[in-house]
């Protein structure tokens, strides 16, 4: 997916810019301080880099960047699948857009739909591979060196890191159990004693409420019976002083009204009301009679309830809980006992630790095997690249040193060694290489690793610092060769590199009122010759520098020898799987 177009608005010192980019090799040149790296900064923002208020042009409310990519047929299926799975529209091109305001708030879009910076970054890793001007600094970092070899070897180190973490956890659990075995045993005995004490009670989840309900009923049984008897007698007791009960009275009243209802229609409605009340009273009398026959005082059951409730209250006070909390407390102790049993089961812990160790060892061994196989191939490719970068006779080695103990990153250290000239002994890069040599070695690594990734756009941000002359010309021709298969953008100050470009962009800044603004324009023909002449001669452009610039462009336009110089490198790279990712 080549970068097709970029648009910037109020970004740093750019007021507004729309830039069309071509395939092949494109260079960005300009005076020192003109802002040649601004485009790369803007592109990184569009690709998910951390937003910063510094990106907003002074006096503006927000900065906006968009980047449009062409979609090659080889990557279309992958991209369309990714877009569909993440809920974005599938279009003929891919459009990424990002804004950041003066408050630091950032927003992002993919094909017009709102996105996250993380989603931009995920796409960015597949779209663009950026090699910075300080790439040489990573040559002294163990993690970066190891990561570069793993990328070249196609190693996926995530499972290794996961098994290492699992092994560490299992080992810590075993060590903790061994050192605290006495305390764990005491703790286990305490929990067992508590379980035994409360376990005798065996409190049910809803038992306390049931006990309270039963106790309340039995403790008031006498008064309940008396109330039922009084109510029953009032309803149906023809031996009372009045000689009639309530039900008998209702029966008589109903019969009297019903007998005359054919004469007085109003009696019919009243008789129906009495009939309904009579039915309800008879039901109530029946229920009261049943209650009186079946209810006993049960003093023994009441005593049993008193005793059990007293035990509930006693245990609740001892463990500073409410009675309702006792069932949950008992359950928590059972869980704690299970944990303590597992913690004191040294055999099980040792088995778990050994299993985790074997899993790590299997992953580490597989990683080491790939590292050993790929180290000489990577060294050979970088050595070949060094020969064309002014380090003839130099050699590069990738050294693997076994560790005394396993580590999260594997079983060995990875180091880069270099011999600057024929006959010298390779030594660590940072100790024997000069600044210029470090830059060239980093450039060689960048060239080698750039072919490993899936990104179709490669960006080199002043990675040619510290080189010049014939080496600079070789760098330019090499980037032009890389541009045959991929889109290559390079920020450079070297006229030899610029002369090799298929597209030449010049970054310039100017003072408008109180503000400085930067702009980018494409130069061709005479304008391009003048720019390269400026790069050759500085502020003073002479007829000689113009002739020299014209000659340089003409020579590079017809030069076809780059492939020959770097044939070992490019042949090796062409055969590598594109699944690996460049880290430098």
Protein backbone atom coordinates (compact mmCIF):
# COMPACT_ATOMS: atom_id res chain seq x y z
CA UNK A 1 0.00 0.00 0.00
CA UNK A 2 1.99 2.97 -1.29
CA UNK A 3 1.47 6.45 0.09
CA UNK A 4 -0.46 8.33 -2.59
CA UNK A 5 -1.32 11.69 -1.08
CA UNK A 6 -0.81 13.68 2.13
CA UNK A 7 -2.66 16.76 3.35
CA UNK A 8 -1.60 18.93 6.30
CA UNK A 9 -3.40 21.83 7.90
CA UNK A 10 -1.96 23.95 10.72
CA UNK A 11 0.73 21.38 11.48
CA UNK A 12 3.79 22.88 13.26
CA UNK A 13 4.81 25.59 10.74
CA UNK A 14 2.74 24.31 7.81
CA UNK A 15 -0.44 26.34 7.28
CA UNK A 16 -1.88 24.20 4.51
CA UNK A 17 -0.31 21.62 2.23
CA UNK A 18 -1.51 18.98 -0.21
CA UNK A 19 1.15 16.71 -1.63
CA UNK A 20 0.94 13.97 -4.24
CA UNK A 21 3.60 11.28 -3.96
CA UNK A 22 4.78 8.94 -6.66
CA UNK A 23 6.00 5.38 -6.54
CA UNK A 24 9.70 4.60 -6.73
CA UNK A 25 12.34 6.65 -4.91
CA UNK A 26 11.40 10.12 -3.59
CA UNK A 27 13.78 12.48 -1.78
CA UNK A 28 13.02 15.44 0.44
CA UNK A 29 15.72 18.10 0.58
CA UNK A 30 16.01 21.66 1.82
CA UNK A 31 18.03 24.07 3.90
CA UNK A 32 18.95 23.06 7.42
CA UNK A 33 16.02 23.92 9.68
CA UNK A 34 13.53 24.13 6.82
CA UNK A 35 11.49 21.34 8.37
CA UNK A 36 12.37 18.38 6.17
CA UNK A 37 11.25 15.94 8.85
CA UNK A 38 7.88 17.64 9.36
CA UNK A 39 6.25 15.43 6.73
CA UNK A 40 7.53 12.33 8.47
CA UNK A 41 6.28 13.62 11.83
CA UNK A 42 2.89 14.29 10.26
CA UNK A 43 2.78 10.85 8.70
CA UNK A 44 3.63 9.23 12.03
CA UNK A 45 0.75 11.14 13.65
CA UNK A 46 -1.60 9.81 10.95
CA UNK A 47 -0.27 6.32 11.66
CA UNK A 48 -1.14 6.39 15.36
CA UNK A 49 1.82 8.09 17.04
CA UNK A 50 1.26 9.83 20.35
CA UNK A 51 -0.55 13.16 19.89
CA UNK A 52 1.11 16.31 21.22
CA UNK A 53 -0.06 19.91 21.39
CA UNK A 54 3.32 20.87 19.92
CA UNK A 55 2.00 19.69 16.54
CA UNK A 56 -0.56 22.53 16.46
CA UNK A 57 0.62 25.62 14.54
CA UNK A 58 0.87 28.72 16.70
CA UNK A 59 -2.37 30.69 16.51
CA UNK A 60 -4.43 27.71 15.23
CA UNK A 61 -7.01 25.74 17.22
CA UNK A 62 -6.05 22.31 15.92
CA UNK A 63 -3.74 20.44 13.54
CA UNK A 64 -5.05 18.03 10.94
CA UNK A 65 -3.23 15.37 8.93
CA UNK A 66 -4.56 12.91 6.37
CA UNK A 67 -2.76 10.22 4.41
CA UNK A 68 -4.18 8.29 1.46
CA UNK A 69 -2.75 4.94 0.37
CA UNK A 70 -3.14 2.95 -2.83
CA UNK A 71 -4.04 -0.70 -2.25
CA UNK A 72 -1.97 -3.23 -4.21
CA UNK A 73 -3.68 -6.42 -5.30
CA UNK A 74 -1.38 -8.55 -3.13
CA UNK A 75 -2.54 -6.83 0.08
CA UNK A 76 -6.15 -6.06 -0.85
CA UNK A 77 -7.62 -9.26 0.60
CA UNK A 78 -5.84 -8.77 3.94
CA UNK A 79 -6.83 -5.11 4.20
CA UNK A 80 -10.48 -5.71 3.24
CA UNK A 81 -10.74 -8.48 5.84
CA UNK A 82 -9.22 -6.23 8.50
CA UNK A 83 -11.56 -3.35 7.62
CA UNK A 84 -14.65 -5.57 7.67
CA UNK A 85 -13.72 -7.22 10.98
CA UNK A 86 -13.11 -3.85 12.65
CA UNK A 87 -16.24 -2.22 11.22
CA UNK A 88 -14.75 0.18 8.64
CA UNK A 89 -15.89 0.77 5.08
CA UNK A 90 -14.03 -1.00 2.29
CA UNK A 91 -12.95 1.52 -0.36
CA UNK A 92 -10.72 1.54 -3.44
CA UNK A 93 -8.11 3.49 -1.46
CA UNK A 94 -7.30 3.71 2.25
CA UNK A 95 -7.74 7.13 3.90
CA UNK A 96 -6.36 7.81 7.39
CA UNK A 97 -7.10 11.11 9.15
CA UNK A 98 -6.02 12.48 12.52
CA UNK A 99 -6.54 15.75 14.38
CA UNK A 100 -5.10 17.12 17.62
CA UNK A 101 -6.21 20.36 19.30
CA UNK A 102 -4.52 22.80 21.65
CA UNK A 103 -5.94 20.92 24.65
CA UNK A 104 -4.18 17.74 23.53
CA UNK A 105 -7.41 16.00 22.50
CA UNK A 106 -6.96 13.75 19.50
CA UNK A 107 -9.45 12.20 17.08
CA UNK A 108 -8.90 9.67 14.32
CA UNK A 109 -10.77 8.30 11.30
CA UNK A 110 -10.30 5.38 8.90
CA UNK A 111 -12.17 5.70 5.60
CA UNK A 112 -14.39 8.36 7.17
CA UNK A 113 -15.37 6.36 10.27
CA UNK A 114 -14.21 7.16 13.78
CA UNK A 115 -11.22 5.07 14.87
CA UNK A 116 -8.73 4.78 17.74
CA UNK A 117 -5.05 5.62 17.69
CA UNK A 118 -4.35 1.95 18.39
CA UNK A 119 -6.20 0.96 15.22
CA UNK A 120 -4.21 3.53 13.23
CA UNK A 121 -1.01 2.10 14.68
CA UNK A 122 -2.03 -1.46 13.81
CA UNK A 123 -2.53 -0.39 10.22
CA UNK A 124 0.60 1.76 10.30
CA UNK A 125 2.78 -1.24 11.15
CA UNK A 126 1.60 -2.83 7.90
CA UNK A 127 1.79 0.34 5.78
CA UNK A 128 5.05 2.12 6.54
CA UNK A 129 8.50 1.15 7.81
CA UNK A 130 10.46 4.17 9.14
CA UNK A 131 14.23 4.09 9.66
CA UNK A 132 15.34 7.06 11.72
CA UNK A 133 18.58 9.01 11.65
CA UNK A 134 19.54 7.64 15.07
CA UNK A 135 19.09 4.01 14.08
CA UNK A 136 22.72 3.38 14.99
CA UNK A 137 21.87 4.00 18.66
CA UNK A 138 19.93 0.74 18.78
CA UNK A 139 23.08 -1.22 17.92
CA UNK A 140 24.18 -0.99 21.56
CA UNK A 141 20.80 -1.98 23.03
CA UNK A 142 20.56 -5.68 23.81
CA UNK A 143 16.80 -5.82 23.37
CA UNK A 144 16.92 -4.09 19.97
CA UNK A 145 19.77 -6.29 18.73
CA UNK A 146 17.97 -9.44 19.84
CA UNK A 147 14.70 -8.18 18.37
CA UNK A 148 16.36 -7.53 15.01
CA UNK A 149 17.71 -11.07 14.82
CA UNK A 150 14.34 -12.51 15.86
CA UNK A 151 12.61 -10.44 13.19
CA UNK A 152 15.09 -11.71 10.59
CA UNK A 153 14.61 -15.29 11.83
CA UNK A 154 10.81 -14.96 11.86
CA UNK A 155 10.62 -15.68 15.58
CA UNK A 156 7.41 -14.97 17.45
CA UNK A 157 8.61 -14.41 21.01
CA UNK A 158 5.22 -13.83 22.64
CA UNK A 159 4.70 -17.52 23.56
CA UNK A 160 8.23 -17.55 25.03
CA UNK A 161 7.45 -14.57 27.23
CA UNK A 162 4.13 -16.14 28.28
CA UNK A 163 5.70 -19.46 29.26
CA UNK A 164 8.44 -17.60 31.14
CA UNK A 165 5.81 -15.72 33.17
CA UNK A 166 3.95 -18.95 33.93
CA UNK A 167 7.18 -20.62 35.03
CA UNK A 168 8.05 -17.67 37.30
CA UNK A 169 4.59 -17.79 38.90
CA UNK A 170 4.81 -21.55 39.47
CA UNK A 171 8.33 -21.24 40.90
CA UNK A 172 7.29 -18.44 43.23
CA UNK A 173 4.32 -20.45 44.49
CA UNK A 174 6.57 -23.43 45.20
CA UNK A 175 9.22 -21.30 46.96
CA UNK A 176 6.57 -19.53 49.02
CA UNK A 177 5.03 -22.83 50.08
CA UNK A 178 8.39 -24.25 51.11
CA UNK A 179 9.44 -21.22 53.14
CA UNK A 180 6.05 -20.75 54.77
CA UNK A 181 5.11 -24.38 55.20
CA UNK A 182 5.01 -24.14 59.05
CA UNK A 183 2.82 -21.03 58.98
CA UNK A 184 0.57 -22.57 56.37
CA UNK A 185 0.09 -25.67 58.50
CA UNK A 186 -0.84 -23.54 61.50
CA UNK A 187 -3.24 -21.56 59.38
CA UNK A 188 -4.76 -24.75 58.05
CA UNK A 189 -5.28 -26.11 61.58
CA UNK A 190 -6.97 -22.85 62.61
CA UNK A 191 -9.36 -23.01 59.68
CA UNK A 192 -10.09 -26.70 60.38
CA UNK A 193 -10.94 -25.89 64.02
CA UNK A 194 -13.26 -23.07 62.96
CA UNK A 195 -14.91 -25.31 60.37
CA UNK A 196 -15.45 -28.01 62.98
CA UNK A 197 -17.00 -25.59 65.45
CA UNK A 198 -19.35 -23.88 63.04
CA UNK A 199 -19.78 -27.09 61.06
CA UNK A 200 -21.52 -28.69 64.05
CA UNK A 201 -24.17 -26.02 63.77
CA UNK A 202 -24.37 -26.54 59.97
CA UNK A 203 -26.24 -23.26 59.46
CA UNK A 204 -28.52 -23.33 56.44
CA UNK A 205 -28.66 -20.38 54.08
CA UNK A 206 -32.23 -19.33 55.08
CA UNK A 207 -32.44 -21.20 58.36
CA UNK A 208 -32.12 -18.19 60.68
CA UNK A 209 -35.24 -16.54 59.26
CA UNK A 210 -37.15 -19.82 59.50
CA UNK A 211 -36.08 -20.32 63.14
CA UNK A 212 -37.25 -16.83 64.05
CA UNK A 213 -40.63 -17.40 62.40
CA UNK A 214 -41.19 -20.76 64.15
CA UNK A 215 -40.03 -19.44 67.51
CA UNK A 216 -42.33 -16.44 67.31
CA UNK A 217 -45.30 -18.71 66.51
CA UNK A 218 -44.63 -21.27 69.28
CA UNK A 219 -43.82 -18.69 71.94
CA UNK A 220 -47.23 -17.04 71.27
CA UNK A 221 -49.17 -20.29 70.81
CA UNK A 222 -51.41 -19.80 73.91
CA UNK A 223 -52.55 -16.33 72.95
CA UNK A 224 -53.10 -17.47 69.37
CA UNK A 225 -55.34 -20.33 70.52
CA UNK A 226 -57.33 -18.02 72.76
CA UNK A 227 -57.88 -15.55 69.94
CA UNK A 228 -59.01 -18.31 67.57
CA UNK A 229 -61.42 -19.70 70.16
CA UNK A 230 -62.93 -16.26 70.85
CA UNK A 231 -63.43 -15.60 67.14
CA UNK A 232 -64.96 -19.05 66.54
CA UNK A 233 -67.37 -18.68 69.48
CA UNK A 234 -68.53 -15.30 68.24
CA UNK A 235 -69.28 -16.72 64.82
CA UNK A 236 -70.90 -20.00 65.80
CA UNK A 237 -71.88 -20.43 69.46
CA UNK A 238 -75.61 -20.93 70.01
CA UNK A 239 -75.01 -21.41 73.75
CA UNK A 240 -74.03 -17.77 74.32
CA UNK A 241 -76.11 -15.52 76.59
CA UNK A 242 -77.99 -14.04 73.64
CA UNK A 243 -78.92 -17.52 72.50
CA UNK A 244 -77.77 -16.95 68.92
CA UNK A 245 -74.46 -16.70 67.03
CA UNK A 246 -73.53 -14.41 64.12
CA UNK A 247 -74.00 -17.07 61.43
CA UNK A 248 -77.46 -18.10 62.71
CA UNK A 249 -78.54 -14.48 62.70
CA UNK A 250 -77.38 -14.02 59.11
CA UNK A 251 -79.27 -17.20 58.08
CA UNK A 252 -82.52 -15.87 59.58
CA UNK A 253 -82.10 -12.44 58.04
CA UNK A 254 -81.37 -13.91 54.61
CA UNK A 255 -84.42 -16.26 54.76
CA UNK A 256 -86.75 -13.42 55.77
CA UNK A 257 -85.67 -11.16 52.92
CA UNK A 258 -85.60 -13.89 50.30
CA UNK A 259 -89.19 -14.98 51.23
CA UNK A 260 -90.50 -11.47 50.40
CA UNK A 261 -88.27 -10.68 47.47
CA UNK A 262 -91.05 -11.40 44.95
CA UNK A 263 -93.03 -8.57 46.51
CA UNK A 264 -90.22 -6.06 47.14
CA UNK A 265 -87.52 -6.27 44.43
CA UNK A 266 -85.03 -4.36 46.63
CA UNK A 267 -85.02 -7.33 49.07
CA UNK A 268 -83.44 -9.49 46.36
CA UNK A 269 -80.26 -7.40 46.22
CA UNK A 270 -80.01 -7.29 50.01
CA UNK A 271 -80.50 -11.03 50.27
CA UNK A 272 -77.66 -11.59 47.77
CA UNK A 273 -75.33 -9.44 49.88
CA UNK A 274 -76.21 -11.44 53.02
CA UNK A 275 -75.68 -14.71 51.15
CA UNK A 276 -72.19 -13.65 50.09
CA UNK A 277 -71.24 -12.60 53.64
CA UNK A 278 -72.70 -15.80 55.02
CA UNK A 279 -70.51 -17.92 52.74
CA UNK A 280 -67.37 -16.04 53.81
CA UNK A 281 -68.23 -16.32 57.50
CA UNK A 282 -68.84 -20.05 57.20
CA UNK A 283 -65.40 -20.45 55.56
CA UNK A 284 -63.77 -18.44 58.32
CA UNK A 285 -65.54 -20.52 61.00
CA UNK A 286 -64.37 -23.73 59.32
CA UNK A 287 -60.77 -22.53 59.21
CA UNK A 288 -60.83 -21.42 62.85
CA UNK A 289 -62.26 -24.79 63.92
CA UNK A 290 -59.50 -26.59 62.00
CA UNK A 291 -56.81 -24.36 63.59
CA UNK A 292 -58.17 -25.13 67.07
CA UNK A 293 -58.18 -28.88 66.44
CA UNK A 294 -54.64 -29.02 64.97
CA UNK A 295 -52.67 -26.48 67.02
CA UNK A 296 -50.78 -27.51 70.16
CA UNK A 297 -48.54 -25.58 72.53
CA UNK A 298 -45.44 -27.84 71.88
CA UNK A 299 -43.27 -26.66 74.80
CA UNK A 300 -40.56 -29.20 73.91
CA UNK A 301 -40.20 -27.88 70.34
CA UNK A 302 -40.04 -24.35 71.70
CA UNK A 303 -37.18 -25.36 74.01
CA UNK A 304 -35.32 -26.91 71.06
CA UNK A 305 -35.69 -23.71 69.08
CA UNK A 306 -34.45 -21.67 72.04
CA UNK A 307 -31.35 -23.85 72.29
CA UNK A 308 -30.49 -23.72 68.55
CA UNK A 309 -31.02 -19.98 68.29
CA UNK A 310 -28.80 -19.46 71.32
CA UNK A 311 -26.02 -21.42 69.54
CA UNK A 312 -26.44 -19.25 66.43
CA UNK A 313 -26.15 -16.08 68.53
CA UNK A 314 -23.16 -17.39 70.48
CA UNK A 315 -21.15 -18.24 67.31
CA UNK A 316 -22.13 -14.96 65.68
CA UNK A 317 -20.80 -12.99 68.67
CA UNK A 318 -17.57 -15.05 68.76
CA UNK A 319 -16.73 -14.35 65.14
CA UNK A 320 -18.12 -10.80 65.17
CA UNK A 321 -20.77 -11.47 62.57
CA UNK A 322 -24.54 -11.23 62.44
CA UNK A 323 -26.37 -14.58 62.60
CA UNK A 324 -27.39 -14.16 58.96
CA UNK A 325 -23.69 -14.06 57.93
CA UNK A 326 -22.75 -17.44 59.45
CA UNK A 327 -23.56 -19.56 56.34
CA UNK A 328 -21.40 -17.32 54.11
CA UNK A 329 -18.61 -17.36 56.70
CA UNK A 330 -18.66 -21.16 56.73
CA UNK A 331 -18.48 -21.24 52.91
CA UNK A 332 -15.51 -18.84 52.89
CA UNK A 333 -13.62 -21.05 55.35
CA UNK A 334 -14.19 -24.05 53.13
CA UNK A 335 -12.72 -22.14 50.17
CA UNK A 336 -9.77 -21.04 52.31
CA UNK A 337 -9.14 -24.63 53.35
CA UNK A 338 -9.09 -25.68 49.70
CA UNK A 339 -6.52 -22.98 48.97
CA UNK A 340 -4.39 -23.90 51.95
CA UNK A 341 -4.51 -27.57 50.99
CA UNK A 342 -3.27 -26.63 47.53
CA UNK A 343 -0.57 -24.39 49.01
CA UNK A 344 0.73 -27.10 51.27
CA UNK A 345 0.61 -29.77 48.58
CA UNK A 346 4.29 -29.57 47.68
CA UNK A 347 4.07 -32.50 45.31
CA UNK A 348 1.43 -30.77 43.21
CA UNK A 349 3.33 -27.47 43.28
CA UNK A 350 6.54 -29.17 42.22
CA UNK A 351 4.74 -30.93 39.38
CA UNK A 352 3.25 -27.61 38.22
CA UNK A 353 6.66 -25.93 38.36
CA UNK A 354 8.28 -28.73 36.35
CA UNK A 355 5.51 -28.60 33.74
CA UNK A 356 5.92 -24.84 33.35
CA UNK A 357 9.69 -25.22 33.10
CA UNK A 358 9.35 -27.79 30.32
CA UNK A 359 6.95 -25.55 28.40
CA UNK A 360 9.40 -22.65 28.63
CA UNK A 361 12.34 -24.86 27.66
CA UNK A 362 10.51 -26.11 24.58
CA UNK A 363 9.73 -22.55 23.42
CA UNK A 364 13.24 -21.29 24.22
CA UNK A 365 14.86 -24.21 22.38
CA UNK A 366 12.77 -23.54 19.28
CA UNK A 367 13.67 -19.83 19.40
CA UNK A 368 17.38 -20.65 19.84
CA UNK A 369 17.33 -23.02 16.90
CA UNK A 370 16.01 -20.32 14.58
CA UNK A 371 18.47 -17.77 15.98
CA UNK A 372 21.44 -20.09 15.34
CA UNK A 373 20.24 -20.78 11.80
CA UNK A 374 19.60 -17.13 10.94
CA UNK A 375 22.54 -15.41 12.66
CA UNK A 376 25.15 -16.28 9.96
CA UNK A 377 22.70 -15.39 7.18
CA UNK A 378 21.98 -11.97 8.69
CA UNK A 379 25.71 -11.41 9.22
CA UNK A 380 26.44 -12.32 5.61
CA UNK A 381 23.75 -9.98 4.27
CA UNK A 382 24.96 -7.03 6.36
CA UNK A 383 28.60 -7.76 5.51
CA UNK A 384 27.70 -7.67 1.83
CA UNK A 385 25.93 -4.34 2.28
CA UNK A 386 28.95 -2.89 4.11
CA UNK A 387 31.22 -3.54 1.13
CA UNK A 388 29.27 -1.07 -0.98
CA UNK A 389 29.12 1.51 1.80
CA UNK A 390 32.83 2.32 2.00
CA UNK A 391 33.77 -0.50 4.39
CA UNK A 392 35.52 -2.84 1.94
CA UNK A 393 37.00 -5.82 3.71
CA UNK A 394 34.87 -5.19 6.76
CA UNK A 395 32.90 -8.01 8.33
CA UNK A 396 29.79 -8.21 10.46
CA UNK A 397 29.02 -11.00 12.90
CA UNK A 398 26.00 -11.90 14.99
CA UNK A 399 27.29 -13.52 18.18
CA UNK A 400 25.17 -15.82 20.33
CA UNK A 401 26.42 -16.31 23.91
CA UNK A 402 24.78 -18.91 26.15
CA UNK A 403 23.42 -17.47 29.40
CA UNK A 404 24.30 -18.95 32.76
CA UNK A 405 20.59 -19.15 33.57
CA UNK A 406 17.45 -18.97 31.43
CA UNK A 407 15.89 -15.54 30.94
CA UNK A 408 12.62 -14.14 29.67
CA UNK A 409 14.16 -13.46 26.25
CA UNK A 410 15.63 -16.95 25.88
CA UNK A 411 18.75 -18.96 26.51
CA UNK A 412 21.36 -16.68 24.95
CA UNK A 413 22.53 -13.12 24.58
CA UNK A 414 22.69 -11.65 21.08
CA UNK A 415 25.47 -9.24 20.16
CA UNK A 416 26.65 -7.46 17.02
CA UNK A 417 30.36 -7.57 16.27
CA UNK A 418 32.16 -5.73 13.50
CA UNK A 419 35.59 -5.70 11.93
CA UNK A 420 36.14 -2.39 10.18
CA UNK A 421 38.70 -3.74 7.71
CA UNK A 422 40.18 -6.99 6.48
CA UNK A 423 42.35 -8.85 8.95
CA UNK A 424 40.95 -7.24 12.10
CA UNK A 425 39.15 -9.20 14.79
CA UNK A 426 35.42 -8.50 15.09
CA UNK A 427 34.57 -6.69 18.32
CA UNK A 428 31.37 -5.18 19.76
CA UNK A 429 29.96 -2.53 17.43
CA UNK A 430 29.81 0.30 19.94
CA UNK A 431 33.43 -0.16 21.03
CA UNK A 432 35.25 -0.24 17.71
CA UNK A 433 33.16 1.72 15.20
CA UNK A 434 33.44 5.45 14.66
CA UNK A 435 30.38 7.67 14.31
CA UNK A 436 30.53 7.51 10.53
CA UNK A 437 31.00 3.75 10.57
CA UNK A 438 28.10 3.36 12.97
CA UNK A 439 25.87 5.31 10.60
CA UNK A 440 26.94 3.16 7.65
CA UNK A 441 26.47 -0.06 9.60
CA UNK A 442 23.03 1.11 10.71
CA UNK A 443 22.24 1.99 7.09
CA UNK A 444 23.36 -1.46 5.97
CA UNK A 445 21.10 -3.03 8.60
CA UNK A 446 18.23 -0.76 7.56
CA UNK A 447 18.64 -1.81 3.95
CA UNK A 448 18.77 -5.49 4.86
CA UNK A 449 15.82 -5.41 7.25
CA UNK A 450 13.68 -3.12 5.10
CA UNK A 451 13.10 -6.00 2.69
CA UNK A 452 11.76 -8.25 5.44
CA UNK A 453 8.56 -6.39 6.32
CA UNK A 454 5.19 -6.26 4.59
CA UNK A 455 5.19 -2.44 4.42
CA UNK A 456 5.17 -1.11 0.86
CA UNK A 457 6.45 2.33 1.91
CA UNK A 458 9.98 2.65 3.33
CA UNK A 459 11.10 5.93 4.87
CA UNK A 460 14.73 6.79 5.59
CA UNK A 461 15.07 9.89 7.75
CA UNK A 462 18.66 11.13 7.29
CA UNK A 463 20.10 7.66 7.80
CA UNK A 464 22.89 8.71 5.40
CA UNK A 465 24.36 11.13 7.94
CA UNK A 466 28.12 10.68 8.24
CA UNK A 467 28.71 9.42 4.71
CA UNK A 468 29.74 11.19 1.54
CA UNK A 469 31.55 10.91 -1.76
CA UNK A 470 31.34 7.61 -3.58
CA UNK A 471 29.61 6.00 -0.59
CA UNK A 472 26.85 8.61 -0.75
CA UNK A 473 26.38 7.84 -4.43
CA UNK A 474 26.11 4.15 -3.61
CA UNK A 475 23.51 4.90 -0.94
CA UNK A 476 21.43 6.81 -3.45
CA UNK A 477 21.66 4.09 -6.07
CA UNK A 478 20.76 1.47 -3.49
CA UNK A 479 17.64 3.36 -2.42
CA UNK A 480 16.70 3.79 -6.05
CA UNK A 481 17.02 0.01 -6.44
CA UNK A 482 14.81 -0.54 -3.39
CA UNK A 483 12.29 1.79 -5.03
CA UNK A 484 11.84 -0.62 -7.92
CA UNK A 485 9.76 -2.94 -5.73
CA UNK A 486 8.60 -0.53 -3.04
CA UNK A 487 7.95 3.12 -2.46
CA UNK A 488 11.00 4.73 -0.84
CA UNK A 489 11.04 8.20 0.75
CA UNK A 490 14.31 9.63 2.03
CA UNK A 491 15.09 12.85 3.88
CA UNK A 492 18.66 13.64 2.86
CA UNK A 493 21.28 16.38 2.73
CA UNK A 494 23.43 14.55 0.19
CA UNK A 495 23.30 15.66 -3.45
CA UNK A 496 24.53 12.24 -4.57
CA UNK A 497 21.46 10.64 -3.01
CA UNK A 498 19.09 13.31 -4.33
CA UNK A 499 20.42 12.85 -7.88
CA UNK A 500 19.20 9.23 -7.85
CA UNK A 501 15.59 10.08 -7.03
CA UNK A 502 12.59 9.47 -9.24
CA UNK A 503 10.74 12.33 -7.50
CA UNK A 504 12.38 15.32 -5.81
CA UNK A 505 10.56 17.40 -3.18
CA UNK A 506 12.06 20.57 -1.71
CA UNK A 507 11.09 21.83 1.73
CA UNK A 508 11.45 25.57 2.26
CA UNK A 509 10.34 28.01 4.92
CA UNK A 510 9.60 31.71 4.73
CA UNK A 511 8.63 34.51 7.09
CA UNK A 512 5.09 35.82 6.64
CA UNK A 513 4.43 38.70 9.01
CA UNK A 514 5.21 37.46 12.49
CA UNK A 515 5.06 33.76 11.64
CA UNK A 516 7.31 31.30 9.84
CA UNK A 517 5.69 28.92 7.41
CA UNK A 518 7.02 25.83 5.66
CA UNK A 519 6.01 24.54 2.26
CA UNK A 520 6.88 21.57 0.05
CA UNK A 521 7.12 21.71 -3.72
CA UNK A 522 8.14 19.19 -6.34
CA UNK A 523 11.08 20.29 -8.48
CA UNK A 524 11.84 19.06 -11.98
CA UNK A 525 14.29 19.92 -14.74
CA UNK A 526 15.96 23.31 -14.11
CA UNK A 527 14.57 23.72 -10.60
CA UNK A 528 15.87 20.29 -9.66
CA UNK A 529 19.28 21.05 -11.09
CA UNK A 530 19.39 24.29 -9.08
CA UNK A 531 18.45 22.47 -5.86
CA UNK A 532 21.15 19.84 -6.28
CA UNK A 533 23.63 22.61 -7.21
CA UNK A 534 22.70 24.33 -3.93
CA UNK A 535 23.34 21.10 -2.07
CA UNK A 536 26.72 20.83 -3.77
CA UNK A 537 27.89 24.41 -3.35
CA UNK A 538 25.97 25.85 -0.45
CA UNK A 539 24.45 29.34 -0.62
CA UNK A 540 26.58 30.33 -3.61
CA UNK A 541 25.36 28.50 -6.73
CA UNK A 542 27.88 28.79 -9.55
CA UNK A 543 27.99 27.71 -13.15
CA UNK A 544 30.35 24.91 -12.11
CA UNK A 545 27.95 23.53 -9.50
CA UNK A 546 25.10 23.71 -11.99
CA UNK A 547 27.14 21.75 -14.54
CA UNK A 548 28.11 19.25 -11.84
CA UNK A 549 24.47 18.84 -10.76
CA UNK A 550 23.35 18.37 -14.36
CA UNK A 551 26.00 15.72 -14.88
CA UNK A 552 25.08 13.88 -11.66
CA UNK A 553 21.40 13.67 -12.64
CA UNK A 554 22.27 12.51 -16.15
CA UNK A 555 24.63 9.80 -14.88
CA UNK A 556 22.15 8.42 -12.37
CA UNK A 557 19.34 8.44 -14.94
CA UNK A 558 21.30 5.90 -17.00
CA UNK A 559 23.01 3.98 -14.19
CA UNK A 560 22.02 0.31 -13.94
CA UNK A 561 24.89 -1.09 -11.84
CA UNK A 562 23.31 -0.94 -8.41
CA UNK A 563 21.99 -4.46 -8.56
CA UNK A 564 25.45 -5.74 -9.32
CA UNK A 565 27.00 -4.05 -6.30
CA UNK A 566 24.41 -5.40 -3.90
CA UNK A 567 23.48 -8.64 -5.65
CA UNK A 568 24.36 -10.86 -2.61
CA UNK A 569 22.24 -8.69 -0.33
CA UNK A 570 19.25 -8.28 -2.62
CA UNK A 571 19.26 -11.93 -3.67
CA UNK A 572 19.27 -13.04 -0.04
CA UNK A 573 16.49 -10.61 0.81
CA UNK A 574 14.32 -11.60 -2.13
CA UNK A 575 14.31 -15.16 -0.83
CA UNK A 576 13.28 -14.22 2.73
CA UNK A 577 9.73 -14.56 3.96
CA UNK A 578 7.90 -11.25 4.09
CA UNK A 579 6.37 -12.18 7.43
CA UNK A 580 9.37 -10.81 9.38
CA UNK A 581 9.32 -7.18 10.53
CA UNK A 582 12.19 -4.69 10.57
CA UNK A 583 13.01 -3.26 14.00
CA UNK A 584 15.85 -0.87 13.29
